[in-house]
PDB file of N, CA and C in Angstrom:
ATOM      1  N   MET A   1     -77.909 -30.341 -21.491  1.00  0.00           N
ATOM      2  CA  MET A   1     -78.108 -31.563 -20.760  1.00  0.00           C
ATOM      3  C   MET A   1     -78.837 -31.225 -19.463  1.00  0.00           C
ATOM      4  N   ALA A   2     -79.827 -31.977 -19.148  1.00  0.00           N
ATOM      5  CA  ALA A   2     -80.587 -31.753 -17.929  1.00  0.00           C
ATOM      6  C   ALA A   2     -79.739 -32.121 -16.713  1.00  0.00           C
ATOM      7  N   GLU A   3     -80.048 -31.547 -15.569  1.00  0.00           N
ATOM      8  CA  GLU A   3     -79.246 -31.770 -14.371  1.00  0.00           C
ATOM      9  C   GLU A   3     -79.369 -33.188 -13.831  1.00  0.00           C
ATOM     10  N   ASN A   4     -80.476 -33.860 -14.065  1.00  0.00           N
ATOM     11  CA  ASN A   4     -80.668 -35.190 -13.500  1.00  0.00           C
ATOM     12  C   ASN A   4     -80.094 -36.306 -14.381  1.00  0.00           C
ATOM     13  N   GLU A   5     -79.537 -35.972 -15.518  1.00  0.00           N
ATOM     14  CA  GLU A   5     -78.952 -36.980 -16.388  1.00  0.00           C
ATOM     15  C   GLU A   5     -77.464 -37.113 -16.106  1.00  0.00           C
ATOM     16  N   GLU A   6     -76.981 -38.347 -16.080  1.00  0.00           N
ATOM     17  CA  GLU A   6     -75.562 -38.579 -15.874  1.00  0.00           C
ATOM     18  C   GLU A   6     -74.847 -38.518 -17.222  1.00  0.00           C
ATOM     19  N   PRO A   7     -73.608 -38.054 -17.247  1.00  0.00           N
ATOM     20  CA  PRO A   7     -72.869 -38.002 -18.508  1.00  0.00           C
ATOM     21  C   PRO A   7     -72.563 -39.409 -19.023  1.00  0.00           C
ATOM     22  N   ILE A   8     -72.483 -39.522 -20.326  1.00  0.00           N
ATOM     23  CA  ILE A   8     -72.194 -40.805 -20.962  1.00  0.00           C
ATOM     24  C   ILE A   8     -70.692 -40.879 -21.209  1.00  0.00           C
ATOM     25  N   HIS A   9     -70.067 -41.942 -20.739  1.00  0.00           N
ATOM     26  CA  HIS A   9     -68.632 -42.144 -20.940  1.00  0.00           C
ATOM     27  C   HIS A   9     -68.441 -43.248 -21.970  1.00  0.00           C
ATOM     28  N   VAL A  10     -67.730 -42.919 -23.040  1.00  0.00           N
ATOM     29  CA  VAL A  10     -67.485 -43.863 -24.126  1.00  0.00           C
ATOM     30  C   VAL A  10     -65.981 -43.982 -24.310  1.00  0.00           C
ATOM     31  N   THR A  11     -65.504 -45.205 -24.531  1.00  0.00           N
ATOM     32  CA  THR A  11     -64.075 -45.386 -24.756  1.00  0.00           C
ATOM     33  C   THR A  11     -63.682 -44.769 -26.093  1.00  0.00           C
ATOM     34  N   THR A  12     -62.385 -44.514 -26.258  1.00  0.00           N
ATOM     35  CA  THR A  12     -61.887 -43.866 -27.469  1.00  0.00           C
ATOM     36  C   THR A  12     -62.160 -44.714 -28.703  1.00  0.00           C
ATOM     37  N   ASP A  13     -61.923 -46.010 -28.618  1.00  0.00           N
ATOM     38  CA  ASP A  13     -62.145 -46.876 -29.775  1.00  0.00           C
ATOM     39  C   ASP A  13     -63.613 -46.934 -30.173  1.00  0.00           C
ATOM     40  N   ARG A  14     -64.494 -46.960 -29.224  1.00  0.00           N
ATOM     41  CA  ARG A  14     -65.929 -46.989 -29.554  1.00  0.00           C
ATOM     42  C   ARG A  14     -66.394 -45.659 -30.125  1.00  0.00           C
ATOM     43  N   ALA A  15     -65.845 -44.555 -29.634  1.00  0.00           N
ATOM     44  CA  ALA A  15     -66.246 -43.246 -30.142  1.00  0.00           C
ATOM     45  C   ALA A  15     -65.791 -43.067 -31.582  1.00  0.00           C
ATOM     46  N   ARG A  16     -64.642 -43.615 -31.928  1.00  0.00           N
ATOM     47  CA  ARG A  16     -64.133 -43.503 -33.290  1.00  0.00           C
ATOM     48  C   ARG A  16     -64.758 -44.530 -34.218  1.00  0.00           C
ATOM     49  N   ALA A  17     -65.323 -45.564 -33.676  1.00  0.00           N
ATOM     50  CA  ALA A  17     -65.936 -46.657 -34.435  1.00  0.00           C
ATOM     51  C   ALA A  17     -64.915 -47.354 -35.319  1.00  0.00           C
ATOM     52  N   GLY A  18     -63.694 -47.479 -34.818  1.00  0.00           N
ATOM     53  CA  GLY A  18     -62.675 -48.187 -35.577  1.00  0.00           C
ATOM     54  C   GLY A  18     -61.289 -47.853 -35.082  1.00  0.00           C
ATOM     55  N   SER A  19     -60.315 -48.326 -35.794  1.00  0.00           N
ATOM     56  CA  SER A  19     -58.933 -48.078 -35.409  1.00  0.00           C
ATOM     57  C   SER A  19     -58.344 -46.962 -36.256  1.00  0.00           C
ATOM     58  N   THR A  20     -57.245 -46.403 -35.783  1.00  0.00           N
ATOM     59  CA  THR A  20     -56.546 -45.374 -36.547  1.00  0.00           C
ATOM     60  C   THR A  20     -55.227 -45.961 -37.038  1.00  0.00           C
ATOM     61  N   PRO A  21     -55.015 -46.023 -38.337  1.00  0.00           N
ATOM     62  CA  PRO A  21     -53.824 -46.669 -38.877  1.00  0.00           C
ATOM     63  C   PRO A  21     -52.572 -45.796 -38.877  1.00  0.00           C
ATOM     64  N   HIS A  22     -52.619 -44.601 -38.361  1.00  0.00           N
ATOM     65  CA  HIS A  22     -51.478 -43.675 -38.302  1.00  0.00           C
ATOM     66  C   HIS A  22     -50.950 -43.328 -39.690  1.00  0.00           C
ATOM     67  N   MET A  23     -51.796 -43.358 -40.698  1.00  0.00           N
ATOM     68  CA  MET A  23     -51.409 -42.992 -42.056  1.00  0.00           C
ATOM     69  C   MET A  23     -51.304 -41.472 -42.191  1.00  0.00           C
ATOM     70  N   THR A  24     -51.988 -40.736 -41.349  1.00  0.00           N
ATOM     71  CA  THR A  24     -52.027 -39.282 -41.458  1.00  0.00           C
ATOM     72  C   THR A  24     -50.645 -38.670 -41.306  1.00  0.00           C
ATOM     73  N   ARG A  25     -49.829 -39.209 -40.400  1.00  0.00           N
ATOM     74  CA  ARG A  25     -48.502 -38.615 -40.192  1.00  0.00           C
ATOM     75  C   ARG A  25     -47.652 -38.725 -41.446  1.00  0.00           C
ATOM     76  N   TYR A  26     -47.807 -39.803 -42.223  1.00  0.00           N
ATOM     77  CA  TYR A  26     -47.041 -39.941 -43.468  1.00  0.00           C
ATOM     78  C   TYR A  26     -47.546 -38.972 -44.530  1.00  0.00           C
ATOM     79  N   VAL A  27     -48.854 -38.826 -44.633  1.00  0.00           N
ATOM     80  CA  VAL A  27     -49.432 -37.912 -45.619  1.00  0.00           C
ATOM     81  C   VAL A  27     -49.011 -36.481 -45.312  1.00  0.00           C
ATOM     82  N   LEU A  28     -49.069 -36.088 -44.049  1.00  0.00           N
ATOM     83  CA  LEU A  28     -48.680 -34.727 -43.674  1.00  0.00           C
ATOM     84  C   LEU A  28     -47.190 -34.502 -43.888  1.00  0.00           C
ATOM     85  N   GLY A  29     -46.380 -35.488 -43.573  1.00  0.00           N
ATOM     86  CA  GLY A  29     -44.946 -35.361 -43.761  1.00  0.00           C
ATOM     87  C   GLY A  29     -44.559 -35.230 -45.219  1.00  0.00           C
ATOM     88  N   ILE A  30     -45.138 -36.068 -46.070  1.00  0.00           N
ATOM     89  CA  ILE A  30     -44.845 -36.011 -47.505  1.00  0.00           C
ATOM     90  C   ILE A  30     -45.341 -34.692 -48.094  1.00  0.00           C
ATOM     91  N   GLY A  31     -46.524 -34.250 -47.680  1.00  0.00           N
ATOM     92  CA  GLY A  31     -47.057 -32.975 -48.163  1.00  0.00           C
ATOM     93  C   GLY A  31     -46.185 -31.806 -47.760  1.00  0.00           C
ATOM     94  N   LEU A  32     -45.705 -31.827 -46.516  1.00  0.00           N
ATOM     95  CA  LEU A  32     -44.820 -30.758 -46.049  1.00  0.00           C
ATOM     96  C   LEU A  32     -43.517 -30.754 -46.839  1.00  0.00           C
ATOM     97  N   LEU A  33     -42.960 -31.923 -47.079  1.00  0.00           N
ATOM     98  CA  LEU A  33     -41.730 -32.023 -47.863  1.00  0.00           C
ATOM     99  C   LEU A  33     -41.931 -31.483 -49.281  1.00  0.00           C
ATOM    100  N   LEU A  34     -43.051 -31.820 -49.898  1.00  0.00           N
ATOM    101  CA  LEU A  34     -43.332 -31.334 -51.254  1.00  0.00           C
ATOM    102  C   LEU A  34     -43.487 -29.819 -51.293  1.00  0.00           C
ATOM    103  N   VAL A  35     -44.108 -29.247 -50.280  1.00  0.00           N
ATOM    104  CA  VAL A  35     -44.271 -27.792 -50.227  1.00  0.00           C
ATOM    105  C   VAL A  35     -42.915 -27.112 -50.063  1.00  0.00           C
ATOM    106  N   ILE A  36     -42.055 -27.668 -49.228  1.00  0.00           N
ATOM    107  CA  ILE A  36     -40.717 -27.091 -49.039  1.00  0.00           C
ATOM    108  C   ILE A  36     -39.927 -27.153 -50.336  1.00  0.00           C
ATOM    109  N   VAL A  37     -39.993 -28.283 -51.041  1.00  0.00           N
ATOM    110  CA  VAL A  37     -39.297 -28.410 -52.318  1.00  0.00           C
ATOM    111  C   VAL A  37     -39.858 -27.424 -53.336  1.00  0.00           C
ATOM    112  N   ALA A  38     -41.180 -27.294 -53.393  1.00  0.00           N
ATOM    113  CA  ALA A  38     -41.803 -26.374 -54.350  1.00  0.00           C
ATOM    114  C   ALA A  38     -41.390 -24.925 -54.065  1.00  0.00           C
ATOM    115  N   PHE A  39     -41.391 -24.521 -52.787  1.00  0.00           N
ATOM    116  CA  PHE A  39     -40.956 -23.165 -52.447  1.00  0.00           C
ATOM    117  C   PHE A  39     -39.483 -22.967 -52.792  1.00  0.00           C
ATOM    118  N   GLY A  40     -38.670 -23.985 -52.579  1.00  0.00           N
ATOM    119  CA  GLY A  40     -37.259 -23.890 -52.936  1.00  0.00           C
ATOM    120  C   GLY A  40     -37.066 -23.682 -54.416  1.00  0.00           C
ATOM    121  N   ILE A  41     -37.832 -24.401 -55.219  1.00  0.00           N
ATOM    122  CA  ILE A  41     -37.747 -24.250 -56.674  1.00  0.00           C
ATOM    123  C   ILE A  41     -38.197 -22.859 -57.097  1.00  0.00           C
ATOM    124  N   ILE A  42     -39.246 -22.354 -56.473  1.00  0.00           N
ATOM    125  CA  ILE A  42     -39.768 -21.014 -56.811  1.00  0.00           C
ATOM    126  C   ILE A  42     -38.751 -19.943 -56.435  1.00  0.00           C
ATOM    127  N   ILE A  43     -38.134 -20.069 -55.283  1.00  0.00           N
ATOM    128  CA  ILE A  43     -37.184 -19.050 -54.823  1.00  0.00           C
ATOM    129  C   ILE A  43     -35.921 -19.055 -55.695  1.00  0.00           C
ATOM    130  N   TRP A  44     -35.405 -20.216 -56.063  1.00  0.00           N
ATOM    131  CA  TRP A  44     -34.143 -20.315 -56.795  1.00  0.00           C
ATOM    132  C   TRP A  44     -34.304 -20.137 -58.314  1.00  0.00           C
ATOM    133  N   SER A  45     -35.510 -20.057 -58.798  1.00  0.00           N
ATOM    134  CA  SER A  45     -35.663 -19.903 -60.250  1.00  0.00           C
ATOM    135  C   SER A  45     -35.900 -18.468 -60.656  1.00  0.00           C
TER     136      SER A  45
END
């Protein structure tokens, strides 16, 4: 960036171009639970 240019400030919603539905936390939680169950089955069998 050149020294004479001012930085561009963009709000979070505009930078993302949409909303975040917070679905990721459920996907990560379910995936983690499945991995723990799978490791438990592998260890006990």
